[in-house]
Protein backbone atom coordinates (compact mmCIF):
# COMPACT_ATOMS: atom_id res chain seq x y z
CA UNK A 1 111.64 71.78 -54.24
CA UNK A 2 107.96 73.05 -53.62
CA UNK A 3 106.26 72.26 -57.01
CA UNK A 4 102.09 73.33 -57.66
CA UNK A 5 100.28 71.16 -59.90
CA UNK A 6 97.30 72.54 -61.57
CA UNK A 7 94.62 70.12 -62.60
CA UNK A 8 90.99 69.34 -62.62
CA UNK A 9 88.78 72.24 -63.89
CA UNK A 10 85.39 71.76 -65.56
CA UNK A 11 86.19 70.36 -68.94
CA UNK A 12 85.28 66.99 -70.54
CA UNK A 13 88.83 65.50 -70.10
CA UNK A 14 88.75 66.55 -65.91
CA UNK A 15 89.20 62.72 -65.22
CA UNK A 16 92.24 62.54 -67.02
CA UNK A 17 93.83 65.42 -66.02
CA UNK A 18 93.07 64.16 -62.43
CA UNK A 19 94.56 61.22 -63.09
CA UNK A 20 97.86 62.59 -64.71
CA UNK A 21 97.85 65.08 -61.88
CA UNK A 22 97.96 61.97 -59.71
CA UNK A 23 100.74 60.32 -61.43
CA UNK A 24 103.06 63.71 -61.80
CA UNK A 25 102.62 64.06 -57.98
CA UNK A 26 103.25 60.45 -56.98
CA UNK A 27 106.47 60.63 -59.08
CA UNK A 28 107.66 63.81 -58.13
CA UNK A 29 106.91 62.90 -54.42
CA UNK A 30 109.02 59.82 -54.84
CA UNK A 31 112.02 61.65 -55.73
CA UNK A 32 111.89 64.18 -53.01
CA UNK A 33 109.74 67.19 -54.10
CA UNK A 34 107.15 68.49 -52.05
CA UNK A 35 103.95 68.69 -54.37
CA UNK A 36 100.47 69.99 -53.72
CA UNK A 37 97.53 69.81 -56.22
CA UNK A 38 95.40 72.65 -57.20
CA UNK A 39 91.97 72.19 -58.62
CA UNK A 40 91.12 75.07 -61.13
CA UNK A 41 87.57 75.12 -60.37
CA UNK A 42 88.38 76.88 -57.21
CA UNK A 43 89.21 79.74 -59.47
CA UNK A 44 92.17 81.98 -60.45
CA UNK A 45 91.81 84.21 -57.31
CA UNK A 46 92.82 81.47 -54.88
CA UNK A 47 95.48 80.27 -57.65
CA UNK A 48 96.86 83.88 -57.58
CA UNK A 49 97.56 83.56 -53.83
CA UNK A 50 98.97 80.12 -53.72
CA UNK A 51 101.52 80.25 -56.53
CA UNK A 52 103.89 82.60 -54.57
CA UNK A 53 104.16 79.80 -52.05
CA UNK A 54 105.83 77.68 -54.91
CA UNK A 55 109.29 77.25 -56.78
CA UNK A 56 107.37 75.90 -60.01
CA UNK A 57 103.97 75.65 -61.37
CA UNK A 58 102.99 72.64 -63.03
CA UNK A 59 100.07 72.73 -64.84
CA UNK A 60 98.71 69.38 -65.81
CA UNK A 61 95.43 70.31 -67.07
CA UNK A 62 93.93 69.24 -70.56
CA UNK A 63 91.21 70.36 -72.30
CA UNK A 64 90.67 73.80 -73.51
CA UNK A 65 91.21 75.25 -69.69
CA UNK A 66 94.48 74.21 -69.90
CA UNK A 67 95.70 74.03 -73.43
CA UNK A 68 93.78 77.09 -74.76
CA UNK A 69 96.47 79.54 -73.59
CA UNK A 70 94.56 81.58 -70.70
CA UNK A 71 96.00 79.65 -68.06
CA UNK A 72 99.57 80.48 -69.64
CA UNK A 73 98.66 84.13 -69.78
CA UNK A 74 97.60 84.25 -66.39
CA UNK A 75 100.92 82.46 -65.23
CA UNK A 76 103.08 84.55 -67.34
CA UNK A 77 101.50 87.98 -66.21
CA UNK A 78 102.52 86.66 -62.46
CA UNK A 79 105.86 86.03 -63.65
CA UNK A 80 106.25 82.58 -62.11
CA UNK A 81 108.55 79.34 -63.08
CA UNK A 82 106.08 77.31 -64.97
CA UNK A 83 105.90 74.01 -67.24
CA UNK A 84 104.67 75.18 -70.60
CA UNK A 85 105.06 77.80 -73.53
CA UNK A 86 103.75 80.76 -75.12
CA UNK A 87 100.36 81.72 -74.77
CA UNK A 88 99.93 82.52 -78.04
CA UNK A 89 101.06 79.51 -79.18
CA UNK A 90 99.05 77.65 -77.11
CA UNK A 91 95.96 79.37 -78.68
CA UNK A 92 97.02 78.72 -82.25
CA UNK A 93 97.54 75.04 -81.41
CA UNK A 94 95.02 74.13 -79.36
CA UNK A 95 91.83 75.29 -81.25
CA UNK A 96 91.85 73.09 -84.67
CA UNK A 97 90.86 75.84 -87.18
CA UNK A 98 93.20 78.02 -86.32
CA UNK A 99 95.98 75.47 -86.19
CA UNK A 100 94.56 73.64 -89.61
CA UNK A 101 95.10 77.50 -90.89
CA UNK A 102 98.63 77.90 -89.39
CA UNK A 103 99.44 74.81 -91.07
CA UNK A 104 98.50 75.81 -94.19
CA UNK A 105 100.10 79.34 -94.07
CA UNK A 106 103.20 77.27 -93.01
CA UNK A 107 103.36 74.66 -95.74
CA UNK A 108 102.91 71.87 -93.05
CA UNK A 109 100.70 69.09 -94.75
CA UNK A 110 97.17 68.32 -93.36
CA UNK A 111 94.15 66.53 -94.31
CA UNK A 112 92.05 68.64 -97.16
CA UNK A 113 89.29 70.48 -95.05
CA UNK A 114 86.50 72.74 -94.99
CA UNK A 115 84.80 74.86 -92.13
CA UNK A 116 80.97 74.29 -91.55
CA UNK A 117 79.15 76.82 -90.17
CA UNK A 118 77.07 76.86 -87.30
CA UNK A 119 73.40 76.16 -87.80
CA UNK A 120 72.66 79.41 -85.37
CA UNK A 121 74.42 81.97 -88.01
CA UNK A 122 72.07 83.93 -89.81
CA UNK A 123 70.81 83.41 -92.46
CA UNK A 124 70.45 79.27 -92.09
CA UNK A 125 72.90 77.61 -93.99
CA UNK A 126 72.26 73.82 -95.93
CA UNK A 127 75.11 72.32 -93.40
CA UNK A 128 74.21 68.61 -94.58
CA UNK A 129 74.75 69.84 -98.27
CA UNK A 130 78.00 71.17 -97.60
CA UNK A 131 78.99 68.26 -95.83
CA UNK A 132 77.78 66.10 -98.70
CA UNK A 133 79.50 68.13 -101.36
CA UNK A 134 82.90 67.76 -99.32
CA UNK A 135 82.55 64.28 -99.73
CA UNK A 136 83.02 60.92 -97.64
CA UNK A 137 84.83 59.53 -95.80
CA UNK A 138 85.29 62.51 -93.83
CA UNK A 139 86.00 63.60 -90.48
CA UNK A 140 83.52 65.87 -88.37
CA UNK A 141 85.37 67.91 -85.74
CA UNK A 142 84.92 70.99 -83.43
CA UNK A 143 87.55 73.57 -83.33
CA UNK A 144 87.76 73.10 -79.56
CA UNK A 145 87.33 69.23 -78.93
CA UNK A 146 89.75 67.14 -76.93
CA UNK A 147 90.97 63.57 -76.54
CA UNK A 148 89.07 62.81 -79.83
CA UNK A 149 85.51 63.52 -77.74
CA UNK A 150 84.02 66.12 -80.43
CA UNK A 151 85.32 63.63 -83.32
CA UNK A 152 82.88 61.62 -85.69
CA UNK A 153 84.32 60.04 -88.89
CA UNK A 154 81.53 60.20 -91.45
CA UNK A 155 81.72 56.96 -93.55
CA UNK A 156 78.45 57.48 -95.81
CA UNK A 157 75.30 60.07 -96.01
CA UNK A 158 73.63 57.64 -93.76
CA UNK A 159 76.00 58.68 -90.62
CA UNK A 160 74.63 62.38 -90.83
CA UNK A 161 71.38 60.94 -88.95
CA UNK A 162 73.87 59.60 -86.06
CA UNK A 163 73.02 60.91 -82.68
CA UNK A 164 76.71 62.49 -81.93
CA UNK A 165 76.57 63.97 -85.27
CA UNK A 166 72.94 65.78 -84.52
CA UNK A 167 74.52 66.68 -81.36
CA UNK A 168 77.74 68.13 -82.88
CA UNK A 169 75.97 70.08 -85.71
CA UNK A 170 73.15 71.54 -83.33
CA UNK A 171 75.49 72.60 -80.72
CA UNK A 172 77.65 76.11 -80.77
CA UNK A 173 80.76 74.92 -81.44
CA UNK A 174 82.93 75.66 -84.08
CA UNK A 175 83.16 72.73 -86.76
CA UNK A 176 84.93 71.77 -89.52
CA UNK A 177 84.99 68.52 -91.80
CA UNK A 178 88.27 67.33 -93.25
CA UNK A 179 89.09 64.22 -95.48
CA UNK A 180 89.40 60.48 -93.74
CA UNK A 181 92.95 59.60 -94.59
CA UNK A 182 93.77 55.50 -94.16
CA UNK A 183 97.55 54.94 -92.94
CA UNK A 184 99.16 54.38 -89.96
CA UNK A 185 98.67 56.78 -87.04
CA UNK A 186 101.96 57.88 -85.09
CA UNK A 187 102.67 60.47 -82.54
CA UNK A 188 105.60 62.36 -81.83
CA UNK A 189 106.24 63.69 -78.08
CA UNK A 190 108.77 66.78 -78.06
CA UNK A 191 110.79 67.09 -74.77
CA UNK A 192 113.23 70.22 -74.56
CA UNK A 193 112.69 71.22 -78.26
CA UNK A 194 113.80 67.44 -79.29
CA UNK A 195 111.79 64.78 -80.70
CA UNK A 196 111.40 61.29 -78.79
CA UNK A 197 110.86 58.32 -80.67
CA UNK A 198 108.07 57.94 -83.10
CA UNK A 199 105.24 55.96 -81.48
CA UNK A 200 102.97 53.85 -83.88
CA UNK A 201 99.44 53.62 -82.63
CA UNK A 202 97.48 50.59 -83.36
CA UNK A 203 93.57 50.69 -82.30
CA UNK A 204 91.95 47.33 -82.24
CA UNK A 205 90.67 46.07 -85.65
CA UNK A 206 87.86 48.21 -86.99
CA UNK A 207 88.32 50.86 -84.50
CA UNK A 208 90.40 54.21 -84.14
CA UNK A 209 92.11 55.99 -81.74
CA UNK A 210 88.54 57.70 -80.06
CA UNK A 211 88.62 58.39 -75.98
CA UNK A 212 87.46 54.88 -75.43
CA UNK A 213 90.51 53.29 -77.02
CA UNK A 214 92.91 55.72 -75.94
CA UNK A 215 92.18 54.84 -72.44
CA UNK A 216 90.44 51.51 -72.17
CA UNK A 217 93.88 49.54 -72.87
CA UNK A 218 92.92 48.01 -76.13
CA UNK A 219 94.98 49.94 -78.03
CA UNK A 220 98.78 49.08 -78.91
CA UNK A 221 100.81 51.81 -79.13
CA UNK A 222 104.65 50.73 -80.30
CA UNK A 223 107.78 53.08 -79.87
CA UNK A 224 109.77 53.23 -82.83
CA UNK A 225 106.93 52.85 -84.96
CA UNK A 226 108.10 49.65 -87.10
CA UNK A 227 105.47 50.05 -89.58
CA UNK A 228 106.89 53.22 -90.76
CA UNK A 229 110.08 53.18 -92.76
CA UNK A 230 113.20 54.92 -91.13
CA UNK A 231 113.37 58.16 -93.14
CA UNK A 232 109.99 58.84 -92.95
CA UNK A 233 109.95 58.61 -89.01
CA UNK A 234 112.93 61.06 -89.39
CA UNK A 235 110.98 63.49 -91.35
CA UNK A 236 107.86 63.17 -89.23
CA UNK A 237 110.22 64.18 -86.21
CA UNK A 238 111.50 67.10 -87.81
CA UNK A 239 107.76 68.38 -88.60
CA UNK A 240 106.74 67.96 -84.84
CA UNK A 241 109.91 69.69 -83.81
CA UNK A 242 109.25 72.28 -86.49
CA UNK A 243 105.63 72.92 -84.89
CA UNK A 244 106.76 73.01 -81.41
CA UNK A 245 109.67 75.50 -82.22
CA UNK A 246 107.47 77.70 -84.30
CA UNK A 247 104.64 77.97 -81.88
CA UNK A 248 106.58 78.40 -78.64
CA UNK A 249 105.40 75.74 -76.91
CA UNK A 250 107.90 75.28 -74.35
CA UNK A 251 109.06 72.57 -72.59
CA UNK A 252 106.78 69.81 -74.18
CA UNK A 253 104.12 68.82 -76.64
CA UNK A 254 102.98 66.06 -78.83
CA UNK A 255 102.14 65.93 -82.28
CA UNK A 256 99.58 63.42 -83.91
CA UNK A 257 99.98 62.37 -87.38
CA UNK A 258 98.84 60.17 -90.27
CA UNK A 259 101.30 58.35 -92.73
CA UNK A 260 99.13 57.70 -96.07
CA UNK A 261 100.63 56.76 -99.14
CA UNK A 262 104.07 57.47 -98.14
CA UNK A 263 103.39 61.09 -97.09
CA UNK A 264 103.00 62.59 -93.27
CA UNK A 265 99.85 64.43 -92.72
CA UNK A 266 99.72 66.48 -89.32
CA UNK A 267 96.26 65.70 -87.42
CA UNK A 268 96.88 68.02 -84.31
CA UNK A 269 99.38 69.00 -81.67
CA UNK A 270 98.67 68.51 -78.06
CA UNK A 271 100.13 71.61 -75.95
CA UNK A 272 99.88 69.82 -72.65
CA UNK A 273 99.82 65.92 -73.73
CA UNK A 274 98.27 63.20 -71.56
CA UNK A 275 100.95 62.29 -68.47
CA UNK A 276 99.28 59.15 -67.01
CA UNK A 277 102.20 56.76 -66.25
CA UNK A 278 100.75 54.78 -69.63
CA UNK A 279 100.43 58.08 -71.84
CA UNK A 280 102.18 58.11 -75.01
CA UNK A 281 104.88 61.15 -74.27
CA UNK A 282 105.97 58.94 -71.22
CA UNK A 283 105.91 55.35 -73.03
CA UNK A 284 108.09 57.39 -75.77
CA UNK A 285 110.56 58.68 -73.01
CA UNK A 286 110.96 55.26 -71.71
CA UNK A 287 111.69 54.11 -75.13
CA UNK A 288 115.38 55.90 -74.92
CA UNK A 289 115.87 55.19 -70.87
CA UNK A 290 114.29 58.10 -69.06
CA UNK A 291 111.88 56.88 -66.62
CA UNK A 292 108.75 58.40 -65.78
CA UNK A 293 109.74 60.01 -62.67
CA UNK A 294 112.79 61.16 -64.54
CA UNK A 295 110.79 62.45 -67.24
CA UNK A 296 108.23 64.76 -64.90
CA UNK A 297 111.71 65.83 -63.01
CA UNK A 298 113.04 67.23 -66.29
CA UNK A 299 110.01 69.43 -67.05
CA UNK A 300 110.28 71.09 -63.95
CA UNK A 301 114.27 71.29 -64.56
CA UNK A 302 113.62 72.67 -67.86
CA UNK A 303 111.17 75.14 -66.37
CA UNK A 304 113.52 76.52 -64.03
CA UNK A 305 116.23 76.87 -66.88
CA UNK A 306 118.32 74.49 -64.74
CA UNK A 307 118.32 71.32 -67.66
CA UNK A 308 120.28 71.47 -71.01
CA UNK A 309 118.23 68.29 -72.54
CA UNK A 310 120.07 66.33 -74.96
CA UNK A 311 118.25 63.60 -76.71
CA UNK A 312 120.17 60.64 -78.83
CA UNK A 313 118.50 60.94 -82.44
């Protein structure tokens, strides 16, 4: 089968996209598929000409370019088979403020939050006072951020003077602040509308699951989440499945949660999760006997409608 893997792009997650795509290409070629990589930096014009030569398109591009819905809209109009889902659901899931609003509307628990108006809005608003009134500890986030790059934990008023905070506040990004919840961070991958095992995320002591700890190997990722009671794992998987199905995210996704005081709160949904060989979805699949090569092959089979996946609970 001829597979076109879309990767690269220009976002802050370009490096991880290229690495994921390299792993996907090698795994698919290993089982006999013919694979070509396409860097989205080359443009949609070249992509439009190229897709006709392939049986299935596999977007492996993280960040707004790949996960925000525009690529899925483009591929849908071309009527080509592609790994992914509904463009509207991708937009709703990728942009964090719309996703928070969607969760509130659908009674899915998230941390209490508040939009932080841009300093570029008129008239100027006392942003610092808004954050002070919201309280600490809290988390400042960009609506369009990815891989925990545009995220800063605020422990006290002093943190408002940090370089990263000032950089965010002075940007033109849509921002919001949410209450920091302490607890156990877990993630649930979805494959073919069914939840994979819950994976417990254990960053280095005193740290959190930021960009550095995600990709440095310093964080422990433990399938079947031994620190989370079985009934709470079951509920968390159900919530992840609900998010995936209601947003029509297609063939796979991953939702991140914090388990705090016996309750599950969703942090975000990843419409195109990382697909390096050591990423969270491949790790969860491996825990139930699905190898990396089998996982990426199942995804293209799902895209072609040729594979009815059943996952044991």
